[in-house]
Amino acid sequence: MGEMRIAIAGAGSVGRSIATELAGSGHDVLLIDRDTRAIGLDDLPQVEWLLADACELATLEDARLGDFDVVIAASSDDKVNLVVSLLAKTEFEVDRVIARINDPDNEWLFNDSWGVDLAVSPPRLIADLVEDMPEEDYPEEEGTLPPLPGAEVAESVLHAGSPFVDRAESELTEALPRGVALVAVLGPGGVRPPDPERTLSVGNTMVFLAEPDSLGPLEEVLGPVDEADPASVD
């Protein structure tokens, strides 16, 4: 697909992960954050930066937000993400607004009344939804899975008795049944995209995208999994 202009509000670990992935795919990416500590020009040379408060209308006017194809509200504060989404849709008529949900209790707010077209959590999944790649464009790798309607998000917390504790993430992905992809790992450092070399620890929450008939085999590998609302990835 062609190059898109994408603005990301929030340059924390999630925003930077999304920016890195999308810029690497050839898109024109702008990161907006008011915290100078989040700004690291050398870290993301392909990405433009705007040091400002994304909740202020003047900031978004300066960024010419109306010229962007996609706005992603990716901060760690749900209030910020809702305000950015609402301004992007109502003031700048951005075609596609994607928002990160931090607190599941707030999920009911993330809908079109707040300007949100898609509400998601894991950064890899957000990037896939922005790109909206057709299935045939996905690499033919074991375990890859496009975000098709009907796919479900499942979560599993790594318990002390799991065979994957203190093992490399790659060992987990190799053991996953067909039709299941690991999309994020939640730990003390927040939401992180998959990293085959990272060591899994007790208490990590693993987020998967799974075809419905793969949930049973996934439970056999991991133990009980929690299913999120499948509407969140439709």
Protein backbone atom coordinates (compact mmCIF):
# COMPACT_ATOMS: atom_id res chain seq x y z
CA MET A 1 0.00 0.00 0.00
CA GLY A 2 1.08 3.62 -0.51
CA GLU A 3 2.77 5.91 1.93
CA MET A 4 0.53 7.46 4.58
CA ARG A 5 0.98 10.42 6.90
CA ILE A 6 0.51 9.19 10.47
CA ALA A 7 0.52 11.28 13.66
CA ILE A 8 1.12 9.52 16.99
CA ALA A 9 0.29 11.25 20.28
CA GLY A 10 2.46 9.89 23.09
CA ALA A 11 6.14 8.99 22.70
CA GLY A 12 6.36 6.41 25.48
CA SER A 13 7.38 2.83 24.80
CA VAL A 14 4.14 2.04 22.96
CA GLY A 15 4.14 5.16 20.78
CA ARG A 16 7.79 4.65 19.89
CA SER A 17 7.22 0.99 19.05
CA ILE A 18 4.39 1.90 16.68
CA ALA A 19 6.41 4.76 15.15
CA THR A 20 9.43 2.52 14.54
CA GLU A 21 7.35 -0.13 12.83
CA LEU A 22 5.36 2.24 10.62
CA ALA A 23 8.34 4.41 9.67
CA GLY A 24 10.20 1.23 8.78
CA SER A 25 7.35 0.38 6.40
CA GLY A 26 7.92 3.66 4.56
CA HIS A 27 5.21 5.83 6.11
CA ASP A 28 5.61 9.50 7.08
CA VAL A 29 5.35 9.49 10.89
CA LEU A 30 5.09 12.41 13.37
CA LEU A 31 5.44 11.78 17.14
CA ILE A 32 3.87 14.36 19.47
CA ASP A 33 4.84 14.53 23.17
CA ARG A 34 5.28 17.37 25.64
CA ASP A 35 7.81 15.50 27.78
CA THR A 36 11.38 16.27 26.69
CA ARG A 37 12.54 13.04 28.34
CA ALA A 38 10.56 11.10 25.76
CA ILE A 39 12.25 12.85 22.88
CA GLY A 40 15.25 11.02 21.50
CA LEU A 41 16.01 12.26 18.02
CA ASP A 42 18.91 9.86 17.57
CA ASP A 43 16.77 6.87 18.52
CA LEU A 44 14.25 7.25 15.69
CA PRO A 45 15.94 9.08 12.82
CA GLN A 46 13.11 8.29 10.37
CA VAL A 47 10.46 9.93 12.58
CA GLU A 48 9.54 13.62 12.90
CA TRP A 49 9.02 15.03 16.40
CA LEU A 50 6.81 17.79 17.80
CA LEU A 51 7.51 18.81 21.41
CA ALA A 52 4.05 19.96 22.54
CA ASP A 53 0.85 18.97 24.35
CA ALA A 54 -1.30 16.86 22.01
CA CYS A 55 -4.42 17.78 24.01
CA GLU A 56 -4.18 21.44 23.02
CA LEU A 57 -6.00 22.53 19.88
CA ALA A 58 -3.22 25.01 18.99
CA THR A 59 -0.65 22.18 19.01
CA LEU A 60 -2.70 20.12 16.59
CA GLU A 61 -3.24 23.15 14.38
CA ASP A 62 0.53 23.72 14.31
CA ALA A 63 0.99 20.07 13.34
CA ARG A 64 -1.57 20.55 10.50
CA LEU A 65 -3.37 17.46 11.78
CA GLY A 66 -5.98 17.70 9.04
CA ASP A 67 -3.29 16.73 6.52
CA PHE A 68 -2.76 13.33 8.16
CA ASP A 69 -4.37 10.08 6.99
CA VAL A 70 -4.27 8.41 10.43
CA VAL A 71 -4.01 9.65 14.01
CA ILE A 72 -3.02 7.22 16.78
CA ALA A 73 -3.65 8.23 20.41
CA ALA A 74 -1.03 6.06 22.09
CA SER A 75 -0.33 7.71 25.43
CA SER A 76 -0.45 5.90 28.78
CA ASP A 77 -3.36 8.14 29.91
CA ASP A 78 -6.82 7.20 28.64
CA LYS A 79 -8.13 10.77 29.19
CA VAL A 80 -5.43 12.12 26.89
CA ASN A 81 -6.19 9.47 24.27
CA LEU A 82 -9.91 10.30 24.29
CA VAL A 83 -9.32 14.05 23.99
CA VAL A 84 -6.83 13.60 21.14
CA SER A 85 -9.24 11.25 19.35
CA LEU A 86 -12.17 13.64 19.71
CA LEU A 87 -10.18 16.65 18.47
CA ALA A 88 -8.71 14.68 15.56
CA LYS A 89 -12.14 13.59 14.36
CA THR A 90 -14.30 16.65 15.09
CA GLU A 91 -11.87 19.53 14.50
CA PHE A 92 -9.63 18.06 11.79
CA GLU A 93 -11.87 15.38 10.21
CA VAL A 94 -9.08 12.77 10.20
CA ASP A 95 -10.26 9.69 8.31
CA ARG A 96 -8.93 7.06 10.69
CA VAL A 97 -8.47 7.53 14.41
CA ILE A 98 -6.99 4.68 16.47
CA ALA A 99 -6.78 4.84 20.26
CA ARG A 100 -4.91 2.82 22.86
CA ILE A 101 -6.95 1.62 25.85
CA ASN A 102 -4.90 1.50 29.07
CA ASP A 103 -7.61 0.68 31.62
CA PRO A 104 -10.16 -1.98 30.53
CA ASP A 105 -12.78 -0.23 32.70
CA ASN A 106 -12.69 2.68 30.25
CA GLU A 107 -13.24 0.54 27.16
CA TRP A 108 -16.91 1.56 26.83
CA LEU A 109 -15.84 5.18 26.18
CA PHE A 110 -13.66 4.34 23.18
CA ASN A 111 -16.23 4.54 20.40
CA ASP A 112 -17.35 6.84 17.60
CA SER A 113 -18.94 9.31 20.05
CA TRP A 114 -15.35 10.15 21.07
CA GLY A 115 -14.10 10.03 17.49
CA VAL A 116 -12.49 6.60 17.86
CA ASP A 117 -12.66 4.33 14.80
CA LEU A 118 -10.59 1.52 16.30
CA ALA A 119 -9.71 0.91 19.95
CA VAL A 120 -6.88 -1.52 20.56
CA SER A 121 -4.04 -2.21 22.93
CA PRO A 122 -0.96 -4.10 21.74
CA PRO A 123 1.37 -1.95 19.61
CA ARG A 124 2.00 -4.62 17.00
CA LEU A 125 -1.73 -5.05 16.48
CA ILE A 126 -2.22 -1.28 16.16
CA ALA A 127 0.45 -1.13 13.49
CA ASP A 128 -1.17 -4.01 11.57
CA LEU A 129 -4.56 -2.30 11.69
CA VAL A 130 -3.09 0.95 10.37
CA GLU A 131 -1.37 -0.82 7.52
CA ASP A 132 -4.45 -2.98 6.84
CA MET A 133 -2.34 -5.28 4.71
CA PRO A 134 -4.21 -7.81 2.58
CA GLU A 135 -3.65 -11.40 3.65
CA GLU A 136 -1.54 -12.29 0.61
CA ASP A 137 1.01 -9.60 1.55
CA TYR A 138 1.84 -11.24 4.88
CA PRO A 139 5.11 -13.19 5.03
CA GLU A 140 4.68 -16.95 4.82
CA GLU A 141 6.03 -17.57 8.31
CA GLU A 142 4.77 -20.11 10.79
CA GLY A 143 2.55 -18.43 13.35
CA THR A 144 1.86 -15.20 11.45
CA LEU A 145 -1.79 -14.23 11.38
CA PRO A 146 -3.46 -11.19 9.78
CA PRO A 147 -6.05 -9.35 11.90
CA LEU A 148 -9.05 -10.87 10.13
CA PRO A 149 -12.62 -10.33 11.28
CA GLY A 150 -13.46 -13.19 13.61
CA ALA A 151 -9.98 -13.37 15.06
CA GLU A 152 -9.98 -13.03 18.83
CA VAL A 153 -7.62 -11.50 21.34
CA ALA A 154 -6.65 -13.92 24.11
CA GLU A 155 -4.53 -13.26 27.19
CA SER A 156 -2.59 -15.64 29.40
CA VAL A 157 -0.62 -14.83 32.55
CA LEU A 158 2.60 -16.81 32.91
CA HIS A 159 2.30 -18.81 36.13
CA ALA A 160 5.12 -20.31 38.17
CA GLY A 161 4.42 -23.85 36.95
CA SER A 162 4.59 -22.96 33.27
CA PRO A 163 7.34 -24.66 31.23
CA PHE A 164 8.07 -21.29 29.57
CA VAL A 165 9.17 -19.46 32.75
CA ASP A 166 12.73 -18.15 32.39
CA ARG A 167 12.82 -19.39 28.79
CA ALA A 168 13.32 -17.32 25.63
CA GLU A 169 10.18 -15.93 24.00
CA SER A 170 11.17 -17.79 20.81
CA GLU A 171 10.54 -21.11 22.60
CA LEU A 172 6.99 -20.01 23.33
CA THR A 173 6.28 -18.89 19.76
CA GLU A 174 7.66 -22.16 18.38
CA ALA A 175 5.21 -24.08 20.60
CA LEU A 176 2.12 -22.08 19.57
CA PRO A 177 -0.55 -23.95 17.59
CA ARG A 178 -1.31 -22.97 14.01
CA GLY A 179 -3.54 -19.89 13.72
CA VAL A 180 -2.13 -18.18 16.82
CA ALA A 181 0.27 -15.23 16.88
CA LEU A 182 1.91 -13.55 19.87
CA VAL A 183 1.27 -9.79 19.47
CA ALA A 184 2.48 -8.31 22.77
CA VAL A 185 3.89 -9.05 26.22
CA LEU A 186 2.82 -6.99 29.23
CA GLY A 187 5.26 -6.76 32.11
CA PRO A 188 6.69 -4.22 34.57
CA GLY A 189 8.01 -2.21 31.61
CA GLY A 190 4.55 -1.85 30.08
CA VAL A 191 3.32 -3.17 26.73
CA ARG A 192 6.11 -4.48 24.52
CA PRO A 193 6.09 -5.96 21.03
CA PRO A 194 7.40 -9.51 20.66
CA ASP A 195 11.14 -10.05 21.02
CA PRO A 196 12.37 -13.63 20.38
CA GLU A 197 15.44 -13.14 22.58
CA ARG A 198 13.64 -11.72 25.62
CA THR A 199 13.28 -14.01 28.65
CA LEU A 200 9.75 -14.61 29.92
CA SER A 201 9.08 -14.14 33.64
CA VAL A 202 6.37 -15.21 36.09
CA GLY A 203 3.52 -12.69 35.96
CA ASN A 204 4.07 -11.59 32.36
CA THR A 205 0.78 -11.27 30.49
CA MET A 206 1.01 -12.59 26.94
CA VAL A 207 -1.46 -11.25 24.38
CA PHE A 208 -2.32 -13.41 21.38
CA LEU A 209 -4.35 -13.00 18.23
CA ALA A 210 -6.06 -16.32 17.57
CA GLU A 211 -8.53 -17.90 15.19
CA PRO A 212 -11.53 -19.09 17.26
CA ASP A 213 -10.85 -22.79 16.61
CA SER A 214 -7.25 -22.34 17.79
CA LEU A 215 -8.22 -21.30 21.33
CA GLY A 216 -8.56 -24.91 22.51
CA PRO A 217 -5.09 -25.94 21.32
CA LEU A 218 -3.69 -22.69 22.77
CA GLU A 219 -5.13 -23.59 26.20
CA GLU A 220 -3.49 -27.03 25.96
CA VAL A 221 -0.11 -25.35 25.45
CA LEU A 222 -0.49 -22.58 28.04
CA GLY A 223 -3.24 -23.50 30.45
CA PRO A 224 -6.41 -21.37 30.78
CA VAL A 225 -6.58 -18.23 28.62
CA ASP A 226 -8.91 -15.24 28.90
CA GLU A 227 -10.73 -14.17 25.77
CA ALA A 228 -11.23 -10.46 25.17
CA ASP A 229 -14.22 -9.10 23.27
CA PRO A 230 -13.68 -10.20 19.65
CA ALA A 231 -15.27 -6.92 18.54
CA SER A 232 -12.08 -5.19 19.61
CA VAL A 233 -10.26 -6.56 16.57
CA ASP A 234 -13.03 -6.62 14.00
